[in-house]
Amino acid sequence: MRKIIGAMCLVLALAPGVRANDDYGTVGFQLKAYPADDSVRMSMISMFRTLHAANYFLENRGAVPIACQPFGTGTNESYTALMAYLQQHPELGKRPVSDLWDIYVEAMARSFPCKN
């Protein structure tokens, strides 16, 4: 797990997906404020908890969860994975902030895939 987090941090350090010139109202602009901005931090926490609840619901019905984050990961690791995903797909940072949930779910599913 530390290797995964280390690799994601390296990706973020080399070429951040969120740039200083991101337009107001975009995913990129919104995420720049994490973790200092309370509303952005609460959004990240809410998305993390909602995905956790959805995964729990799916697992209890015998379905494959959306994402399988290692035990002990939390909002900060989710943010790191999201930023790494945006680095790989910089066009997503330009999408309206209303698309953040969709981007978050896709990023978590790709970053923490479940083994069937």
C-alpha atoms as a PDB file:
ATOM      1  CA  MET A   1       0.000   0.000   0.000  1.00  0.00           C
ATOM      2  CA  ARG A   2       2.824   2.406   0.778  1.00  0.00           C
ATOM      3  CA  LYS A   3       4.236   1.779  -2.684  1.00  0.00           C
ATOM      4  CA  ILE A   4       0.909   2.754  -4.259  1.00  0.00           C
ATOM      5  CA  ILE A   5       0.662   5.935  -2.203  1.00  0.00           C
ATOM      6  CA  GLY A   6       4.313   6.745  -2.897  1.00  0.00           C
ATOM      7  CA  ALA A   7       3.797   6.303  -6.634  1.00  0.00           C
ATOM      8  CA  MET A   8       0.720   8.516  -6.570  1.00  0.00           C
ATOM      9  CA  CYS A   9       2.618  11.223  -4.676  1.00  0.00           C
ATOM     10  CA  LEU A  10       5.408  11.070  -7.244  1.00  0.00           C
ATOM     11  CA  VAL A  11       2.916  11.489 -10.067  1.00  0.00           C
ATOM     12  CA  LEU A  12       1.400  14.483  -8.311  1.00  0.00           C
ATOM     13  CA  ALA A  13       4.772  16.088  -7.681  1.00  0.00           C
ATOM     14  CA  LEU A  14       5.954  15.722 -11.264  1.00  0.00           C
ATOM     15  CA  ALA A  15       2.911  17.032 -13.089  1.00  0.00           C
ATOM     16  CA  PRO A  16      -0.103  18.190 -11.093  1.00  0.00           C
ATOM     17  CA  GLY A  17      -3.491  17.693 -12.722  1.00  0.00           C
ATOM     18  CA  VAL A  18      -4.905  20.818 -11.128  1.00  0.00           C
ATOM     19  CA  ARG A  19      -3.323  23.975 -12.501  1.00  0.00           C
ATOM     20  CA  ALA A  20      -3.288  27.563 -11.287  1.00  0.00           C
ATOM     21  CA  ASN A  21      -5.273  28.688 -14.334  1.00  0.00           C
ATOM     22  CA  ASP A  22      -8.259  26.387 -13.840  1.00  0.00           C
ATOM     23  CA  ASP A  23     -11.523  28.241 -14.374  1.00  0.00           C
ATOM     24  CA  TYR A  24     -13.906  29.010 -11.541  1.00  0.00           C
ATOM     25  CA  GLY A  25     -16.657  26.402 -11.255  1.00  0.00           C
ATOM     26  CA  THR A  26     -14.559  23.560 -12.640  1.00  0.00           C
ATOM     27  CA  VAL A  27     -13.440  20.362 -10.935  1.00  0.00           C
ATOM     28  CA  GLY A  28      -9.836  21.557 -11.082  1.00  0.00           C
ATOM     29  CA  PHE A  29     -10.637  24.891  -9.444  1.00  0.00           C
ATOM     30  CA  GLN A  30     -12.682  23.220  -6.705  1.00  0.00           C
ATOM     31  CA  LEU A  31      -9.999  20.703  -5.781  1.00  0.00           C
ATOM     32  CA  LYS A  32      -7.240  23.304  -5.457  1.00  0.00           C
ATOM     33  CA  ALA A  33      -8.683  24.360  -2.118  1.00  0.00           C
ATOM     34  CA  TYR A  34      -8.342  20.934  -0.446  1.00  0.00           C
ATOM     35  CA  PRO A  35      -7.745  20.497   2.503  1.00  0.00           C
ATOM     36  CA  ALA A  36      -7.733  24.137   3.664  1.00  0.00           C
ATOM     37  CA  ASP A  37     -11.267  24.974   2.520  1.00  0.00           C
ATOM     38  CA  ASP A  38     -13.909  23.494   4.806  1.00  0.00           C
ATOM     39  CA  SER A  39     -16.510  23.036   2.084  1.00  0.00           C
ATOM     40  CA  VAL A  40     -14.088  21.181  -0.193  1.00  0.00           C
ATOM     41  CA  ARG A  41     -12.878  19.030   2.687  1.00  0.00           C
ATOM     42  CA  MET A  42     -16.478  18.188   3.592  1.00  0.00           C
ATOM     43  CA  SER A  43     -17.221  17.342  -0.047  1.00  0.00           C
ATOM     44  CA  MET A  44     -14.289  14.911  -0.114  1.00  0.00           C
ATOM     45  CA  ILE A  45     -15.392  13.336   3.172  1.00  0.00           C
ATOM     46  CA  SER A  46     -18.985  13.043   1.906  1.00  0.00           C
ATOM     47  CA  MET A  47     -17.910  11.418  -1.355  1.00  0.00           C
ATOM     48  CA  PHE A  48     -15.645   8.987   0.531  1.00  0.00           C
ATOM     49  CA  ARG A  49     -18.439   8.020   2.937  1.00  0.00           C
ATOM     50  CA  THR A  50     -21.067   7.752   0.202  1.00  0.00           C
ATOM     51  CA  LEU A  51     -18.862   5.443  -1.860  1.00  0.00           C
ATOM     52  CA  HIS A  52     -18.138   3.380   1.250  1.00  0.00           C
ATOM     53  CA  ALA A  53     -21.889   3.054   1.901  1.00  0.00           C
ATOM     54  CA  ALA A  54     -22.567   2.100  -1.724  1.00  0.00           C
ATOM     55  CA  ASN A  55     -19.833  -0.545  -1.597  1.00  0.00           C
ATOM     56  CA  TYR A  56     -21.244  -1.925   1.661  1.00  0.00           C
ATOM     57  CA  PHE A  57     -24.715  -2.114   0.086  1.00  0.00           C
ATOM     58  CA  LEU A  58     -23.366  -3.939  -2.982  1.00  0.00           C
ATOM     59  CA  GLU A  59     -21.258  -6.396  -0.970  1.00  0.00           C
ATOM     60  CA  ASN A  60     -24.208  -7.312   1.270  1.00  0.00           C
ATOM     61  CA  ARG A  61     -26.183  -8.263  -1.831  1.00  0.00           C
ATOM     62  CA  GLY A  62     -23.410 -10.372  -3.298  1.00  0.00           C
ATOM     63  CA  ALA A  63     -22.426  -7.818  -5.949  1.00  0.00           C
ATOM     64  CA  VAL A  64     -18.929  -6.585  -6.690  1.00  0.00           C
ATOM     65  CA  PRO A  65     -18.212  -3.241  -5.011  1.00  0.00           C
ATOM     66  CA  ILE A  66     -17.329  -0.186  -7.073  1.00  0.00           C
ATOM     67  CA  ALA A  67     -13.900   0.262  -5.509  1.00  0.00           C
ATOM     68  CA  CYS A  68     -11.868  -1.740  -3.007  1.00  0.00           C
ATOM     69  CA  GLN A  69      -9.748   0.673  -1.048  1.00  0.00           C
ATOM     70  CA  PRO A  70      -7.267  -0.992   1.304  1.00  0.00           C
ATOM     71  CA  PHE A  71      -8.230  -1.075   4.964  1.00  0.00           C
ATOM     72  CA  GLY A  72      -7.077   2.050   6.722  1.00  0.00           C
ATOM     73  CA  THR A  73      -7.292   4.383   3.750  1.00  0.00           C
ATOM     74  CA  GLY A  74      -9.343   7.504   4.065  1.00  0.00           C
ATOM     75  CA  THR A  75     -10.142  10.830   2.535  1.00  0.00           C
ATOM     76  CA  ASN A  76      -6.521  11.903   2.047  1.00  0.00           C
ATOM     77  CA  GLU A  77      -5.683   8.734   0.127  1.00  0.00           C
ATOM     78  CA  SER A  78      -8.837   9.197  -1.937  1.00  0.00           C
ATOM     79  CA  TYR A  79      -7.776  12.751  -2.731  1.00  0.00           C
ATOM     80  CA  THR A  80      -4.314  11.553  -3.764  1.00  0.00           C
ATOM     81  CA  ALA A  81      -5.833   8.898  -6.033  1.00  0.00           C
ATOM     82  CA  LEU A  82      -8.277  11.433  -7.499  1.00  0.00           C
ATOM     83  CA  MET A  83      -5.474  13.884  -8.253  1.00  0.00           C
ATOM     84  CA  ALA A  84      -3.371  11.138  -9.862  1.00  0.00           C
ATOM     85  CA  TYR A  85      -6.375  10.200 -12.020  1.00  0.00           C
ATOM     86  CA  LEU A  86      -6.847  13.838 -13.036  1.00  0.00           C
ATOM     87  CA  GLN A  87      -3.177  13.925 -13.970  1.00  0.00           C
ATOM     88  CA  GLN A  88      -3.754  11.034 -16.347  1.00  0.00           C
ATOM     89  CA  HIS A  89      -6.934  12.682 -17.685  1.00  0.00           C
ATOM     90  CA  PRO A  90      -6.350  16.462 -17.484  1.00  0.00           C
ATOM     91  CA  GLU A  91      -9.454  17.213 -19.537  1.00  0.00           C
ATOM     92  CA  LEU A  92     -11.569  16.090 -16.563  1.00  0.00           C
ATOM     93  CA  GLY A  93     -10.270  18.998 -14.475  1.00  0.00           C
ATOM     94  CA  LYS A  94     -12.010  21.341 -16.898  1.00  0.00           C
ATOM     95  CA  ARG A  95     -15.432  19.726 -16.383  1.00  0.00           C
ATOM     96  CA  PRO A  96     -18.038  21.552 -14.270  1.00  0.00           C
ATOM     97  CA  VAL A  97     -17.885  20.947 -10.551  1.00  0.00           C
ATOM     98  CA  SER A  98     -21.278  19.235 -10.780  1.00  0.00           C
ATOM     99  CA  ASP A  99     -19.408  16.331 -12.446  1.00  0.00           C
ATOM    100  CA  LEU A 100     -17.067  15.852  -9.477  1.00  0.00           C
ATOM    101  CA  TRP A 101     -18.965  12.854  -8.055  1.00  0.00           C
ATOM    102  CA  ASP A 102     -18.853  10.992 -11.376  1.00  0.00           C
ATOM    103  CA  ILE A 103     -15.143  11.699 -11.761  1.00  0.00           C
ATOM    104  CA  TYR A 104     -14.500  10.672  -8.151  1.00  0.00           C
ATOM    105  CA  VAL A 105     -16.272   7.313  -8.556  1.00  0.00           C
ATOM    106  CA  GLU A 106     -14.429   6.572 -11.793  1.00  0.00           C
ATOM    107  CA  ALA A 107     -11.090   7.533 -10.223  1.00  0.00           C
ATOM    108  CA  MET A 108     -11.675   5.301  -7.187  1.00  0.00           C
ATOM    109  CA  ALA A 109     -12.795   2.361  -9.338  1.00  0.00           C
ATOM    110  CA  ARG A 110      -9.662   2.671 -11.476  1.00  0.00           C
ATOM    111  CA  SER A 111      -7.277   3.378  -8.579  1.00  0.00           C
ATOM    112  CA  PHE A 112      -8.623   0.666  -6.275  1.00  0.00           C
ATOM    113  CA  PRO A 113     -10.042  -2.051  -8.522  1.00  0.00           C
ATOM    114  CA  CYS A 114     -11.810  -5.010  -6.948  1.00  0.00           C
ATOM    115  CA  LYS A 115     -10.732  -8.543  -7.669  1.00  0.00           C
ATOM    116  CA  ASN A 116     -13.706 -10.662  -8.663  1.00  0.00           C
END
